[in-house]
Amino acid sequence: MIEEPQKKKRGNPNLYKGMPPLNPKGREKGSLNKFTKLSRELMSNKGPEIVNKVIELALEGDRHCLKMCMDRIIPTTKAVEITHDHQDLGINIIVESVKAIERNEEKEFKTIEAEVLNG
């Protein structure tokens, strides 16, 4: 007879279904993670310096800093509902509208990038 290998049990053998919770109160409301505390402390102490440096780098032409600034200054465009009389042309109108919006955004970005680089 061939014996099948025994399946290894998973989990902690001291914990079982139906046992009372080990931490019944749970995490206190308003308690912060260590990383959250550290990042808030850093931003409260060095926040203005960091923001000024990012703006300075954006003005020097750093694309990543420029994108960070633009994402904060100019809000993202939201989807616009298009109403029309022809039901069969609906998808074509939406596709053309999206293409037009993308072209406008690309022109605006190129204009802003050119102003930053030339300025």
Protein backbone atom coordinates (compact mmCIF):
# COMPACT_ATOMS: atom_id res chain seq x y z
CA MET A 1 0.00 0.00 0.00
CA ILE A 2 1.12 3.47 -0.84
CA GLU A 3 0.65 5.92 1.98
CA GLU A 4 -0.40 9.43 1.09
CA PRO A 5 1.68 12.15 2.70
CA GLN A 6 -0.12 13.88 5.52
CA LYS A 7 -1.28 17.38 4.75
CA LYS A 8 0.48 20.01 6.79
CA LYS A 9 -1.94 21.94 8.95
CA ARG A 10 -1.94 25.67 8.39
CA GLY A 11 -2.14 28.40 10.98
CA ASN A 12 -1.38 28.61 14.64
CA PRO A 13 -2.52 25.48 16.49
CA ASN A 14 -3.27 27.59 19.58
CA LEU A 15 -5.95 29.54 17.69
CA TYR A 16 -9.20 27.89 16.76
CA LYS A 17 -12.55 28.90 15.33
CA GLY A 18 -14.98 30.23 17.89
CA MET A 19 -12.43 31.22 20.51
CA PRO A 20 -12.74 34.69 22.11
CA PRO A 21 -10.76 37.48 20.42
CA LEU A 22 -7.24 38.09 21.69
CA ASN A 23 -7.63 41.87 21.49
CA PRO A 24 -11.33 42.53 22.13
CA LYS A 25 -11.10 46.33 22.23
CA GLY A 26 -9.03 46.51 19.04
CA ARG A 27 -7.02 49.52 17.97
CA GLU A 28 -8.09 52.77 19.61
CA LYS A 29 -9.90 55.31 17.45
CA GLY A 30 -7.63 58.07 16.30
CA SER A 31 -4.42 56.15 16.95
CA LEU A 32 -1.88 56.73 14.19
CA ASN A 33 0.54 54.50 12.40
CA LYS A 34 4.27 55.17 12.98
CA PHE A 35 4.73 56.16 9.34
CA THR A 36 1.79 58.58 9.51
CA LYS A 37 3.21 60.22 12.64
CA LEU A 38 6.64 60.54 11.02
CA SER A 39 5.30 61.99 7.76
CA ARG A 40 3.10 64.51 9.59
CA GLU A 41 6.01 65.60 11.76
CA LEU A 42 8.26 65.98 8.72
CA MET A 43 5.65 68.00 6.81
CA SER A 44 4.92 70.23 9.78
CA ASN A 45 8.62 70.98 10.35
CA LYS A 46 10.01 70.99 6.81
CA GLY A 47 6.82 71.31 4.72
CA PRO A 48 7.31 74.86 3.39
CA GLU A 49 10.94 74.14 2.51
CA ILE A 50 9.96 70.99 0.59
CA VAL A 51 7.20 72.79 -1.30
CA ASN A 52 9.54 75.65 -2.22
CA LYS A 53 12.17 73.18 -3.45
CA VAL A 54 9.63 71.32 -5.60
CA ILE A 55 8.48 74.62 -7.14
CA GLU A 56 12.09 75.66 -7.72
CA LEU A 57 12.89 72.36 -9.48
CA ALA A 58 9.70 72.64 -11.56
CA LEU A 59 10.75 76.11 -12.71
CA GLU A 60 14.18 74.73 -13.64
CA GLY A 61 12.48 72.18 -15.90
CA ASP A 62 12.23 69.00 -13.84
CA ARG A 63 9.27 67.19 -15.43
CA HIS A 64 8.31 65.20 -12.34
CA CYS A 65 8.18 68.28 -10.12
CA LEU A 66 6.30 70.16 -12.84
CA LYS A 67 3.73 67.37 -13.01
CA MET A 68 3.33 67.39 -9.21
CA CYS A 69 2.71 71.14 -9.28
CA MET A 70 0.30 70.95 -12.21
CA ASP A 71 -1.66 68.11 -10.63
CA ARG A 72 -2.20 70.28 -7.55
CA ILE A 73 -2.92 73.55 -9.40
CA ILE A 74 -5.14 72.42 -12.28
CA PRO A 75 -7.92 70.00 -11.32
CA THR A 76 -8.45 66.91 -13.43
CA THR A 77 -11.14 67.13 -16.07
CA LYS A 78 -14.28 65.22 -15.25
CA ALA A 79 -16.38 63.22 -17.67
CA VAL A 80 -19.02 65.32 -19.40
CA GLU A 81 -22.38 63.88 -20.31
CA ILE A 82 -23.19 64.45 -23.97
CA THR A 83 -26.82 64.65 -25.05
CA HIS A 84 -27.84 64.25 -28.67
CA ASP A 85 -30.81 63.25 -30.81
CA HIS A 86 -29.22 60.36 -32.72
CA GLN A 87 -28.93 57.22 -30.64
CA ASP A 88 -26.93 55.30 -33.26
CA LEU A 89 -24.16 57.97 -33.38
CA GLY A 90 -23.69 58.10 -29.61
CA ILE A 91 -20.44 56.18 -29.39
CA ASN A 92 -18.91 58.12 -32.29
CA ILE A 93 -19.75 61.45 -30.64
CA ILE A 94 -18.22 60.31 -27.35
CA VAL A 95 -15.04 59.06 -29.02
CA GLU A 96 -14.61 62.29 -30.99
CA SER A 97 -15.25 64.38 -27.85
CA VAL A 98 -12.64 62.45 -25.88
CA LYS A 99 -10.12 62.88 -28.70
CA ALA A 100 -10.81 66.63 -28.79
CA ILE A 101 -10.34 66.93 -25.02
CA GLU A 102 -7.06 65.00 -25.18
CA ARG A 103 -5.79 67.25 -28.01
CA ASN A 104 -6.67 70.38 -26.00
CA GLU A 105 -4.95 69.05 -22.88
CA GLU A 106 -1.84 68.18 -24.91
CA LYS A 107 -1.74 71.69 -26.42
CA GLU A 108 -2.15 73.27 -22.97
CA PHE A 109 0.61 71.10 -21.52
CA LYS A 110 2.99 71.96 -24.36
CA THR A 111 2.22 75.66 -23.94
CA ILE A 112 2.83 75.54 -20.19
CA GLU A 113 6.01 73.48 -20.65
CA ALA A 114 7.30 75.95 -23.26
CA GLU A 115 6.56 78.89 -20.94
CA VAL A 116 8.44 77.23 -18.08
CA LEU A 117 11.42 76.37 -20.26
CA ASN A 118 11.55 79.81 -21.92
CA GLY A 119 10.68 81.77 -18.79
